[in-house]
Amino acid sequence: MIKQLHFSDFIDDFHKFVVVKKPQLLELLDQYINICELIPVNWYFHYNKATGRPHDNSLDSIVSTLLLQKLLSIPTIDLLITFLSFSKELRDFCGLNTVPDASFYSRFKQDYCDDIEAFFHKLVDITEPICQEIGQALEKELGINPAEVYIMDTTGIECYVKENNPKFFNALVKKLQYFNKDKSKEDIYKMAYNQMPKTASVDPNIKLQYINGTFCYAHKTIVVSNALGILRHMDFCDYQPDFNDYTDSF
């Protein structure tokens, strides 16, 4: 007979494994990663002079929360905020004084998009010597240095637009079913895919693409990685610059 789980037992186990014992991931990050060394100096200047008063949280704290979101595969900012609100362990690790709201994260990514790009470029510079060291160790076995072999591939970054909402496609299917009652379900879906707009209404650079086994609206992206599988560069190949901005240079 299976023993029934009592609520008091659950609370004891939760306290033992979550509160008392520090998660191993946080221990490793705390031991080997110094966020201050990863953030470009200019980003500190931009962040500290953005307002006329001190921020509730330091730049290190905010960047730490966003890195944890990716490491823990937390899909949304709202869910990240929930985890931070309920986990003192995560708040202490990030050094948060208060838990930011969703609007703060939205403004943060918009206001410091250039600094975030510079942050990833600095990560490439920091990790390149490590890649070369690993590649040289494997060169005798493989015959080549995998850190000096680069692979380019195309992918897409799915965007938060109404066309990516399943309701958008389902509404189109229902409309076609109403006017084509003699058609089969397979034919209706073919017609629906053919009638999907080629670009998103808010941005013509967001195009309908087949990515990772599904159709979605995304920015077409070029990704360059070395043979170790470590990302070295990423760029948007569908971005159309305004050449009028460069006429003075010619």
Protein backbone atom coordinates (compact mmCIF):
# COMPACT_ATOMS: atom_id res chain seq x y z
CA MET A 1 0.00 0.00 0.00
CA ILE A 2 1.36 3.42 -0.98
CA LYS A 3 2.04 5.70 1.95
CA GLN A 4 -0.04 8.83 1.93
CA LEU A 5 1.88 12.09 1.69
CA HIS A 6 1.14 14.45 4.55
CA PHE A 7 1.33 18.21 4.10
CA SER A 8 3.70 18.52 7.06
CA ASP A 9 6.12 16.04 5.42
CA PHE A 10 6.00 18.05 2.21
CA ILE A 11 6.83 21.29 4.06
CA ASP A 12 9.78 19.63 5.85
CA ASP A 13 11.20 18.24 2.59
CA PHE A 14 10.68 21.52 0.78
CA HIS A 15 12.51 23.43 3.51
CA LYS A 16 15.37 20.91 3.54
CA PHE A 17 16.01 20.78 -0.21
CA VAL A 18 15.10 24.30 -1.27
CA VAL A 19 15.82 26.54 1.71
CA VAL A 20 18.55 24.80 3.68
CA LYS A 21 20.61 23.29 0.84
CA LYS A 22 21.80 25.88 -1.63
CA PRO A 23 21.09 24.74 -5.24
CA GLN A 24 24.20 23.38 -6.91
CA LEU A 25 23.76 25.58 -9.98
CA LEU A 26 23.83 28.73 -7.87
CA GLU A 27 26.90 27.48 -6.03
CA LEU A 28 28.76 26.90 -9.31
CA LEU A 29 27.76 30.30 -10.70
CA ASP A 30 28.74 32.00 -7.47
CA GLN A 31 32.10 30.24 -7.49
CA TYR A 32 33.14 30.65 -11.13
CA ILE A 33 31.19 33.59 -12.60
CA ASN A 34 31.76 37.25 -11.75
CA ILE A 35 28.99 39.26 -13.41
CA CYS A 36 30.86 42.54 -12.87
CA GLU A 37 33.70 41.38 -15.13
CA LEU A 38 31.30 40.44 -17.93
CA ILE A 39 29.40 43.74 -18.15
CA PRO A 40 31.03 46.46 -20.33
CA VAL A 41 31.99 49.61 -18.43
CA ASN A 42 29.93 51.85 -20.74
CA TRP A 43 26.80 49.98 -19.75
CA TYR A 44 27.35 50.97 -16.13
CA PHE A 45 27.63 54.61 -17.20
CA HIS A 46 24.43 54.46 -19.26
CA TYR A 47 22.51 52.66 -16.53
CA ASN A 48 23.55 54.99 -13.70
CA LYS A 49 22.88 58.23 -15.57
CA ALA A 50 19.53 57.12 -17.04
CA THR A 51 17.58 58.58 -14.09
CA GLY A 52 18.14 61.40 -11.66
CA ARG A 53 17.85 59.09 -8.67
CA PRO A 54 19.43 55.77 -7.66
CA HIS A 55 17.95 52.57 -9.07
CA ASP A 56 16.23 50.12 -6.75
CA ASN A 57 18.54 47.38 -8.03
CA SER A 58 22.05 47.43 -9.43
CA LEU A 59 22.83 46.60 -13.05
CA ASP A 60 24.60 43.41 -11.89
CA SER A 61 21.38 42.26 -10.20
CA ILE A 62 19.17 42.81 -13.25
CA VAL A 63 21.62 41.11 -15.63
CA SER A 64 21.88 38.17 -13.20
CA THR A 65 18.11 37.67 -13.26
CA LEU A 66 18.05 37.64 -17.06
CA LEU A 67 20.93 35.17 -17.23
CA LEU A 68 19.14 32.89 -14.76
CA GLN A 69 16.03 33.07 -16.90
CA LYS A 70 17.95 31.59 -19.82
CA LEU A 71 19.91 29.05 -17.75
CA LEU A 72 16.74 27.75 -16.08
CA SER A 73 14.74 27.85 -19.35
CA ILE A 74 12.08 30.12 -17.88
CA PRO A 75 9.92 30.99 -20.93
CA THR A 76 8.43 34.34 -19.89
CA ILE A 77 9.32 37.38 -17.83
CA ASP A 78 6.10 36.97 -15.83
CA LEU A 79 7.18 33.49 -14.77
CA LEU A 80 10.66 34.79 -13.92
CA ILE A 81 9.08 37.43 -11.67
CA THR A 82 7.02 34.70 -9.97
CA PHE A 83 10.13 32.63 -9.26
CA LEU A 84 11.97 35.66 -7.89
CA SER A 85 9.01 36.61 -5.70
CA PHE A 86 8.79 33.18 -4.08
CA SER A 87 12.48 32.21 -3.95
CA LYS A 88 14.62 34.08 -1.45
CA GLU A 89 17.55 31.97 -2.63
CA LEU A 90 17.32 33.43 -6.13
CA ARG A 91 16.82 36.97 -4.85
CA ASP A 92 19.88 36.71 -2.59
CA PHE A 93 22.00 35.25 -5.39
CA CYS A 94 21.04 38.09 -7.75
CA GLY A 95 21.39 40.73 -5.02
CA LEU A 96 17.88 42.11 -5.53
CA ASN A 97 16.49 44.68 -3.13
CA THR A 98 13.07 44.54 -4.79
CA VAL A 99 11.58 42.30 -7.49
CA PRO A 100 11.17 44.32 -10.73
CA ASP A 101 7.85 44.25 -12.56
CA ALA A 102 7.25 43.29 -16.18
CA SER A 103 7.19 46.90 -17.41
CA PHE A 104 10.67 47.48 -15.97
CA TYR A 105 12.11 44.53 -17.93
CA SER A 106 10.39 45.74 -21.09
CA ARG A 107 11.88 49.24 -20.74
CA PHE A 108 15.26 47.77 -19.76
CA LYS A 109 15.56 45.73 -22.97
CA GLN A 110 14.47 48.66 -25.11
CA ASP A 111 16.62 51.33 -23.47
CA TYR A 112 19.80 49.24 -23.34
CA CYS A 113 19.55 47.14 -26.51
CA ASP A 114 22.92 48.44 -27.78
CA ASP A 115 24.53 47.71 -24.42
CA ILE A 116 23.10 44.19 -24.42
CA GLU A 117 24.64 43.62 -27.85
CA ALA A 118 28.00 44.90 -26.58
CA PHE A 119 27.64 42.55 -23.61
CA PHE A 120 27.40 39.51 -25.90
CA HIS A 121 30.32 40.72 -28.01
CA LYS A 122 32.39 40.89 -24.82
CA LEU A 123 31.32 37.33 -23.96
CA VAL A 124 32.70 36.21 -27.32
CA ASP A 125 36.02 37.91 -26.58
CA ILE A 126 36.21 36.29 -23.14
CA THR A 127 35.32 32.78 -24.32
CA GLU A 128 37.46 32.74 -27.47
CA PRO A 129 40.74 31.88 -25.62
CA ILE A 130 38.88 29.06 -23.85
CA CYS A 131 37.62 27.72 -27.19
CA GLN A 132 41.13 27.88 -28.63
CA GLU A 133 42.54 25.99 -25.66
CA ILE A 134 39.93 23.24 -26.03
CA GLY A 135 40.44 23.15 -29.81
CA GLN A 136 44.21 22.76 -29.51
CA ALA A 137 43.73 19.88 -27.09
CA LEU A 138 41.49 18.12 -29.63
CA GLU A 139 43.60 18.94 -32.68
CA LYS A 140 45.83 15.84 -32.40
CA GLU A 141 42.82 13.55 -32.15
CA LEU A 142 40.70 15.20 -34.87
CA GLY A 143 43.43 16.42 -37.20
CA ILE A 144 41.99 19.94 -37.18
CA ASN A 145 41.39 22.63 -34.60
CA PRO A 146 37.58 22.73 -34.19
CA ALA A 147 37.80 26.19 -32.67
CA GLU A 148 39.09 27.50 -36.01
CA VAL A 149 36.35 25.87 -38.09
CA TYR A 150 33.26 28.07 -38.44
CA ILE A 151 29.79 26.97 -39.48
CA MET A 152 27.14 29.37 -40.75
CA ASP A 153 23.45 28.51 -40.66
CA THR A 154 20.17 30.34 -41.06
CA THR A 155 17.43 30.32 -38.47
CA GLY A 156 14.77 32.69 -37.21
CA ILE A 157 13.81 34.51 -34.04
CA GLU A 158 10.08 34.19 -33.45
CA CYS A 159 8.43 37.51 -32.65
CA TYR A 160 5.54 38.50 -30.40
CA VAL A 161 3.05 39.46 -33.11
CA LYS A 162 -0.63 38.64 -33.50
CA GLU A 163 0.06 36.41 -36.51
CA ASN A 164 1.98 33.99 -34.25
CA ASN A 165 -1.05 33.58 -31.99
CA PRO A 166 -2.82 30.25 -32.79
CA LYS A 167 -6.13 32.12 -32.64
CA PHE A 168 -5.14 34.07 -35.77
CA PHE A 169 -4.74 30.90 -37.84
CA ASN A 170 -7.76 29.17 -36.28
CA ALA A 171 -9.98 32.15 -37.13
CA LEU A 172 -8.85 31.92 -40.75
CA VAL A 173 -9.60 28.17 -40.81
CA LYS A 174 -13.12 28.68 -39.40
CA LYS A 175 -13.81 31.38 -41.96
CA LEU A 176 -12.73 29.12 -44.83
CA GLN A 177 -14.76 26.21 -43.44
CA TYR A 178 -17.87 28.38 -43.38
CA PHE A 179 -17.53 29.40 -47.04
CA ASN A 180 -16.19 26.02 -48.30
CA LYS A 181 -18.34 23.38 -46.62
CA ASP A 182 -17.74 20.95 -49.47
CA LYS A 183 -13.98 20.96 -48.94
CA SER A 184 -12.10 18.42 -46.83
CA LYS A 185 -10.24 19.38 -43.67
CA GLU A 186 -6.91 18.86 -45.43
CA ASP A 187 -7.93 21.21 -48.28
CA ILE A 188 -9.12 23.84 -45.79
CA TYR A 189 -5.74 23.83 -44.03
CA LYS A 190 -3.92 24.11 -47.36
CA MET A 191 -6.06 27.11 -48.30
CA ALA A 192 -5.46 28.66 -44.87
CA TYR A 193 -1.69 28.38 -45.17
CA ASN A 194 -1.83 29.89 -48.67
CA GLN A 195 -3.84 32.85 -47.40
CA MET A 196 -1.58 33.61 -44.46
CA PRO A 197 0.08 37.02 -44.98
CA LYS A 198 3.72 36.84 -46.02
CA THR A 199 4.79 39.45 -43.46
CA ALA A 200 3.53 40.64 -40.09
CA SER A 201 1.34 43.74 -40.14
CA VAL A 202 3.54 45.63 -37.64
CA ASP A 203 6.89 45.04 -39.39
CA PRO A 204 7.59 43.86 -42.96
CA ASN A 205 10.92 42.40 -41.79
CA ILE A 206 9.00 39.81 -39.73
CA LYS A 207 8.25 37.20 -42.36
CA LEU A 208 6.39 33.90 -42.50
CA GLN A 209 9.00 31.13 -42.30
CA TYR A 210 9.27 27.41 -41.64
CA ILE A 211 11.48 27.10 -38.57
CA ASN A 212 12.06 24.18 -36.20
CA GLY A 213 9.26 22.11 -37.70
CA THR A 214 6.56 24.79 -37.71
CA PHE A 215 5.42 27.88 -39.58
CA CYS A 216 5.85 31.15 -37.71
CA TYR A 217 6.57 34.83 -38.19
CA ALA A 218 10.18 35.55 -37.40
CA HIS A 219 13.23 37.62 -38.18
CA LYS A 220 15.49 35.63 -40.49
CA THR A 221 18.82 35.28 -38.74
CA ILE A 222 22.31 34.10 -39.61
CA VAL A 223 24.14 32.23 -36.87
CA VAL A 224 27.89 31.56 -36.93
CA SER A 225 29.34 29.00 -34.53
CA ASN A 226 32.61 27.11 -34.33
CA ALA A 227 32.90 23.34 -34.66
CA LEU A 228 32.66 23.07 -30.87
CA GLY A 229 29.07 24.25 -31.19
CA ILE A 230 29.70 27.57 -29.41
CA LEU A 231 28.01 30.63 -30.88
CA ARG A 232 30.41 33.27 -32.20
CA HIS A 233 28.19 35.71 -34.10
CA MET A 234 24.56 36.37 -34.99
CA ASP A 235 23.06 38.86 -37.41
CA PHE A 236 19.69 39.66 -38.96
CA CYS A 237 19.92 39.03 -42.70
CA ASP A 238 16.50 40.51 -43.56
CA TYR A 239 17.17 43.94 -42.07
CA GLN A 240 17.04 46.68 -44.69
CA PRO A 241 19.05 49.75 -43.61
CA ASP A 242 18.11 53.25 -44.65
CA PHE A 243 20.97 54.22 -46.98
CA ASN A 244 19.96 57.90 -46.74
CA ASP A 245 21.64 57.89 -43.35
CA TYR A 246 24.99 57.22 -45.02
CA THR A 247 24.83 59.65 -47.92
CA ASP A 248 27.10 62.12 -46.17
CA SER A 249 29.85 59.51 -46.03
CA PHE A 250 30.17 59.12 -49.80
